Amino acid sequence: MLVDEAGTHKQRVHNGEAFAKPRSWHVTLVLSDDPEKVKVAKWLFQAYDEQDIGIRSLANDLNKRGIPGPRGGLWHVGTIREMLKNETYAGDFIWPKRS
């Protein structure tokens, strides 16, 4: 999200989208505008935290329910592992971090 110097949200910027902004504005992370993606991400973290369940079982569950993965296909163990390790999902935006 593009935010002006007063802290007002000005424009949502989607992943991979090019944009120009005034120098005094900054970019901040916000929840996806797709409520289903937010719901799935929250479910993943909650299920992993509260249940005795592994990453492979989470992937199998999502695939059985027909929930598309982040790129529209199946869920894979590596995808879920990277989501669970990603600090951004906990609200910690780290920039410019390479890995």
N, C-alpha and C. Protein backbone atom coordinates (compact mmCIF):
# COMPACT_ATOMS: atom_id res chain seq x y z
N MET A 1 0.85 -1.17 0.00
CA MET A 1 0.00 0.00 0.00
C MET A 1 0.89 1.23 0.00
N LEU A 2 0.58 2.19 -0.87
CA LEU A 2 1.27 3.47 -0.85
C LEU A 2 0.63 4.35 0.21
N VAL A 3 1.46 4.96 1.03
CA VAL A 3 1.00 5.78 2.15
C VAL A 3 1.65 7.15 2.06
N ASP A 4 0.84 8.20 2.19
CA ASP A 4 1.39 9.56 2.12
C ASP A 4 2.03 9.96 3.44
N GLU A 5 2.58 11.17 3.48
CA GLU A 5 3.30 11.64 4.66
C GLU A 5 2.40 11.78 5.89
N ALA A 6 1.09 11.87 5.70
CA ALA A 6 0.15 11.96 6.82
C ALA A 6 -0.30 10.58 7.31
N GLY A 7 0.16 9.52 6.63
CA GLY A 7 -0.21 8.17 7.03
C GLY A 7 -1.49 7.66 6.38
N THR A 8 -1.98 8.40 5.40
CA THR A 8 -3.21 8.01 4.70
C THR A 8 -2.90 7.02 3.59
N HIS A 9 -3.65 5.92 3.57
CA HIS A 9 -3.48 4.93 2.50
C HIS A 9 -3.97 5.54 1.20
N LYS A 10 -3.10 5.54 0.18
CA LYS A 10 -3.43 6.19 -1.08
C LYS A 10 -3.71 5.22 -2.22
N GLN A 11 -2.91 4.16 -2.34
CA GLN A 11 -3.09 3.25 -3.47
C GLN A 11 -2.59 1.86 -3.11
N ARG A 12 -3.41 0.86 -3.40
CA ARG A 12 -3.00 -0.54 -3.20
C ARG A 12 -2.13 -0.92 -4.40
N VAL A 13 -1.00 -1.53 -4.11
CA VAL A 13 -0.09 -2.00 -5.14
C VAL A 13 -0.02 -3.52 -5.04
N HIS A 14 -0.34 -4.19 -6.13
CA HIS A 14 -0.33 -5.64 -6.13
C HIS A 14 1.06 -6.17 -6.44
N ASN A 15 1.32 -7.40 -6.02
CA ASN A 15 2.61 -8.04 -6.22
C ASN A 15 3.03 -7.98 -7.69
N GLY A 16 4.23 -7.46 -7.96
CA GLY A 16 4.76 -7.38 -9.30
C GLY A 16 4.32 -6.15 -10.09
N GLU A 17 3.44 -5.36 -9.53
CA GLU A 17 2.92 -4.17 -10.22
C GLU A 17 3.91 -3.01 -10.10
N ALA A 18 4.16 -2.34 -11.22
CA ALA A 18 5.05 -1.17 -11.21
C ALA A 18 4.25 0.04 -10.72
N PHE A 19 4.94 0.95 -10.02
CA PHE A 19 4.27 2.14 -9.51
C PHE A 19 5.29 3.25 -9.33
N ALA A 20 4.80 4.47 -9.31
CA ALA A 20 5.63 5.64 -9.00
C ALA A 20 5.01 6.31 -7.79
N LYS A 21 5.87 6.87 -6.95
CA LYS A 21 5.36 7.53 -5.75
C LYS A 21 6.17 8.78 -5.47
N PRO A 22 5.55 9.77 -4.86
CA PRO A 22 6.30 10.95 -4.42
C PRO A 22 7.35 10.55 -3.37
N ARG A 23 8.43 11.29 -3.27
CA ARG A 23 9.52 10.97 -2.33
C ARG A 23 9.05 10.89 -0.88
N SER A 24 8.08 11.69 -0.50
CA SER A 24 7.64 11.73 0.90
C SER A 24 6.72 10.56 1.27
N TRP A 25 6.25 9.81 0.27
CA TRP A 25 5.40 8.66 0.55
C TRP A 25 6.25 7.43 0.83
N HIS A 26 5.64 6.43 1.44
CA HIS A 26 6.34 5.16 1.66
C HIS A 26 5.40 4.00 1.34
N VAL A 27 5.96 2.81 1.34
CA VAL A 27 5.19 1.60 1.04
C VAL A 27 5.09 0.78 2.32
N THR A 28 3.92 0.25 2.60
CA THR A 28 3.73 -0.59 3.76
C THR A 28 2.96 -1.85 3.35
N LEU A 29 3.15 -2.91 4.11
CA LEU A 29 2.44 -4.15 3.83
C LEU A 29 1.04 -4.12 4.43
N VAL A 30 0.09 -4.65 3.69
CA VAL A 30 -1.28 -4.77 4.17
C VAL A 30 -1.78 -6.16 3.80
N LEU A 31 -2.86 -6.58 4.45
CA LEU A 31 -3.46 -7.87 4.12
C LEU A 31 -3.90 -7.89 2.67
N SER A 32 -3.92 -9.07 2.10
CA SER A 32 -4.42 -9.25 0.75
C SER A 32 -5.85 -8.74 0.64
N ASP A 33 -6.22 -8.28 -0.54
CA ASP A 33 -7.60 -7.86 -0.75
C ASP A 33 -8.50 -9.05 -1.11
N ASP A 34 -7.92 -10.26 -1.11
CA ASP A 34 -8.67 -11.49 -1.37
C ASP A 34 -8.94 -12.18 -0.03
N PRO A 35 -10.18 -12.10 0.48
CA PRO A 35 -10.47 -12.66 1.80
C PRO A 35 -10.23 -14.16 1.89
N GLU A 36 -10.35 -14.88 0.79
CA GLU A 36 -10.11 -16.32 0.82
C GLU A 36 -8.64 -16.63 1.06
N LYS A 37 -7.75 -15.86 0.46
CA LYS A 37 -6.31 -16.06 0.67
C LYS A 37 -5.94 -15.76 2.13
N VAL A 38 -6.52 -14.72 2.69
CA VAL A 38 -6.26 -14.37 4.09
C VAL A 38 -6.76 -15.49 4.99
N LYS A 39 -7.94 -16.00 4.70
CA LYS A 39 -8.54 -17.07 5.49
C LYS A 39 -7.66 -18.33 5.47
N VAL A 40 -7.15 -18.69 4.30
CA VAL A 40 -6.30 -19.88 4.18
C VAL A 40 -4.99 -19.68 4.93
N ALA A 41 -4.37 -18.52 4.79
CA ALA A 41 -3.12 -18.26 5.49
C ALA A 41 -3.31 -18.33 7.01
N LYS A 42 -4.38 -17.73 7.50
CA LYS A 42 -4.65 -17.78 8.94
C LYS A 42 -4.90 -19.21 9.39
N TRP A 43 -5.64 -19.98 8.59
CA TRP A 43 -5.90 -21.38 8.93
C TRP A 43 -4.60 -22.17 9.01
N LEU A 44 -3.70 -21.96 8.05
CA LEU A 44 -2.43 -22.68 8.04
C LEU A 44 -1.66 -22.46 9.34
N PHE A 45 -1.51 -21.21 9.73
CA PHE A 45 -0.75 -20.91 10.94
C PHE A 45 -1.45 -21.44 12.18
N GLN A 46 -2.75 -21.30 12.24
CA GLN A 46 -3.49 -21.78 13.40
C GLN A 46 -3.44 -23.30 13.49
N ALA A 47 -3.64 -23.99 12.38
CA ALA A 47 -3.62 -25.46 12.38
C ALA A 47 -2.23 -25.97 12.77
N TYR A 48 -1.19 -25.34 12.23
CA TYR A 48 0.17 -25.78 12.54
C TYR A 48 0.51 -25.54 14.00
N ASP A 49 -0.01 -24.47 14.55
CA ASP A 49 0.27 -24.11 15.94
C ASP A 49 -0.52 -24.95 16.93
N GLU A 50 -1.79 -25.19 16.64
CA GLU A 50 -2.68 -25.79 17.63
C GLU A 50 -2.88 -27.29 17.49
N GLN A 51 -2.57 -27.86 16.33
CA GLN A 51 -2.81 -29.28 16.11
C GLN A 51 -1.48 -30.02 16.02
N ASP A 52 -1.54 -31.30 16.26
CA ASP A 52 -0.36 -32.14 16.08
C ASP A 52 -0.38 -32.60 14.62
N ILE A 53 0.01 -31.71 13.73
CA ILE A 53 -0.09 -31.96 12.30
C ILE A 53 1.18 -31.48 11.61
N GLY A 54 1.61 -32.22 10.61
CA GLY A 54 2.81 -31.86 9.87
C GLY A 54 2.48 -31.06 8.62
N ILE A 55 3.52 -30.55 8.01
CA ILE A 55 3.36 -29.72 6.81
C ILE A 55 2.78 -30.53 5.66
N ARG A 56 3.21 -31.78 5.50
CA ARG A 56 2.68 -32.62 4.42
C ARG A 56 1.18 -32.83 4.60
N SER A 57 0.75 -33.04 5.82
CA SER A 57 -0.69 -33.22 6.09
C SER A 57 -1.47 -31.94 5.80
N LEU A 58 -0.89 -30.79 6.09
CA LEU A 58 -1.54 -29.52 5.77
C LEU A 58 -1.73 -29.39 4.26
N ALA A 59 -0.68 -29.71 3.51
CA ALA A 59 -0.75 -29.64 2.04
C ALA A 59 -1.80 -30.60 1.51
N ASN A 60 -1.81 -31.81 2.02
CA ASN A 60 -2.79 -32.80 1.58
C ASN A 60 -4.21 -32.34 1.88
N ASP A 61 -4.42 -31.76 3.05
CA ASP A 61 -5.75 -31.28 3.44
C ASP A 61 -6.23 -30.19 2.49
N LEU A 62 -5.38 -29.22 2.22
CA LEU A 62 -5.76 -28.12 1.32
C LEU A 62 -6.05 -28.65 -0.09
N ASN A 63 -5.23 -29.57 -0.56
CA ASN A 63 -5.43 -30.13 -1.90
C ASN A 63 -6.72 -30.96 -1.98
N LYS A 64 -7.01 -31.73 -0.92
CA LYS A 64 -8.26 -32.50 -0.89
C LYS A 64 -9.48 -31.60 -0.93
N ARG A 65 -9.38 -30.45 -0.27
CA ARG A 65 -10.50 -29.51 -0.23
C ARG A 65 -10.60 -28.67 -1.51
N GLY A 66 -9.63 -28.83 -2.41
CA GLY A 66 -9.66 -28.11 -3.67
C GLY A 66 -9.30 -26.64 -3.56
N ILE A 67 -8.58 -26.28 -2.52
CA ILE A 67 -8.16 -24.89 -2.33
C ILE A 67 -6.90 -24.67 -3.16
N PRO A 68 -6.93 -23.73 -4.09
CA PRO A 68 -5.76 -23.51 -4.94
C PRO A 68 -4.59 -22.92 -4.16
N GLY A 69 -3.38 -23.33 -4.55
CA GLY A 69 -2.17 -22.80 -3.94
C GLY A 69 -1.93 -21.36 -4.38
N PRO A 70 -0.88 -20.75 -3.90
CA PRO A 70 -0.60 -19.35 -4.22
C PRO A 70 -0.50 -19.05 -5.72
N ARG A 71 -0.07 -20.02 -6.49
CA ARG A 71 0.04 -19.81 -7.94
C ARG A 71 -1.10 -20.46 -8.71
N GLY A 72 -2.13 -20.87 -8.00
CA GLY A 72 -3.30 -21.42 -8.64
C GLY A 72 -3.32 -22.94 -8.77
N GLY A 73 -2.20 -23.59 -8.50
CA GLY A 73 -2.13 -25.04 -8.61
C GLY A 73 -2.25 -25.71 -7.26
N LEU A 74 -1.58 -26.84 -7.14
CA LEU A 74 -1.60 -27.60 -5.90
C LEU A 74 -0.70 -26.97 -4.84
N TRP A 75 -0.98 -27.33 -3.59
CA TRP A 75 -0.12 -26.95 -2.47
C TRP A 75 1.02 -27.95 -2.38
N HIS A 76 2.22 -27.45 -2.07
CA HIS A 76 3.39 -28.30 -1.91
C HIS A 76 4.00 -28.05 -0.53
N VAL A 77 4.70 -29.05 -0.03
CA VAL A 77 5.33 -28.96 1.29
C VAL A 77 6.26 -27.74 1.36
N GLY A 78 7.06 -27.53 0.32
CA GLY A 78 8.00 -26.40 0.31
C GLY A 78 7.30 -25.06 0.39
N THR A 79 6.17 -24.93 -0.27
CA THR A 79 5.42 -23.68 -0.25
C THR A 79 4.94 -23.37 1.17
N ILE A 80 4.37 -24.37 1.81
CA ILE A 80 3.86 -24.16 3.17
C ILE A 80 5.01 -23.91 4.14
N ARG A 81 6.10 -24.65 3.99
CA ARG A 81 7.26 -24.44 4.87
C ARG A 81 7.76 -23.00 4.76
N GLU A 82 7.88 -22.50 3.55
CA GLU A 82 8.36 -21.13 3.36
C GLU A 82 7.38 -20.10 3.93
N MET A 83 6.09 -20.36 3.81
CA MET A 83 5.10 -19.46 4.41
C MET A 83 5.26 -19.43 5.92
N LEU A 84 5.40 -20.60 6.54
CA LEU A 84 5.49 -20.67 8.00
C LEU A 84 6.79 -20.04 8.52
N LYS A 85 7.84 -20.02 7.70
CA LYS A 85 9.11 -19.42 8.12
C LYS A 85 9.20 -17.93 7.79
N ASN A 86 8.28 -17.43 6.99
CA ASN A 86 8.36 -16.06 6.49
C ASN A 86 7.91 -15.06 7.57
N GLU A 87 8.84 -14.20 7.99
CA GLU A 87 8.55 -13.22 9.05
C GLU A 87 7.45 -12.24 8.66
N THR A 88 7.26 -12.03 7.37
CA THR A 88 6.26 -11.09 6.90
C THR A 88 4.86 -11.47 7.37
N TYR A 89 4.58 -12.78 7.42
CA TYR A 89 3.26 -13.22 7.86
C TYR A 89 3.02 -12.91 9.33
N ALA A 90 4.09 -12.73 10.09
CA ALA A 90 3.96 -12.36 11.50
C ALA A 90 3.92 -10.84 11.67
N GLY A 91 4.03 -10.12 10.55
CA GLY A 91 3.97 -8.66 10.60
C GLY A 91 5.33 -8.00 10.66
N ASP A 92 6.40 -8.76 10.51
CA ASP A 92 7.75 -8.20 10.53
C ASP A 92 8.25 -8.03 9.11
N PHE A 93 8.25 -6.79 8.62
CA PHE A 93 8.73 -6.51 7.27
C PHE A 93 10.22 -6.22 7.33
N ILE A 94 10.99 -7.07 6.70
CA ILE A 94 12.44 -6.92 6.71
C ILE A 94 12.89 -6.62 5.29
N TRP A 95 13.54 -5.46 5.10
CA TRP A 95 13.95 -5.05 3.77
C TRP A 95 15.33 -4.44 3.86
N PRO A 96 16.20 -4.62 2.99
CA PRO A 96 16.25 -5.54 1.86
C PRO A 96 16.92 -6.86 2.25
N LYS A 97 16.17 -7.84 2.51
CA LYS A 97 16.69 -9.15 2.92
C LYS A 97 16.69 -10.07 1.71
N ARG A 98 17.78 -10.78 1.48
CA ARG A 98 17.88 -11.63 0.31
C ARG A 98 17.37 -13.06 0.56
N SER A 99 17.54 -13.57 1.76
CA SER A 99 17.08 -14.94 2.00
C SER A 99 16.63 -15.09 3.44
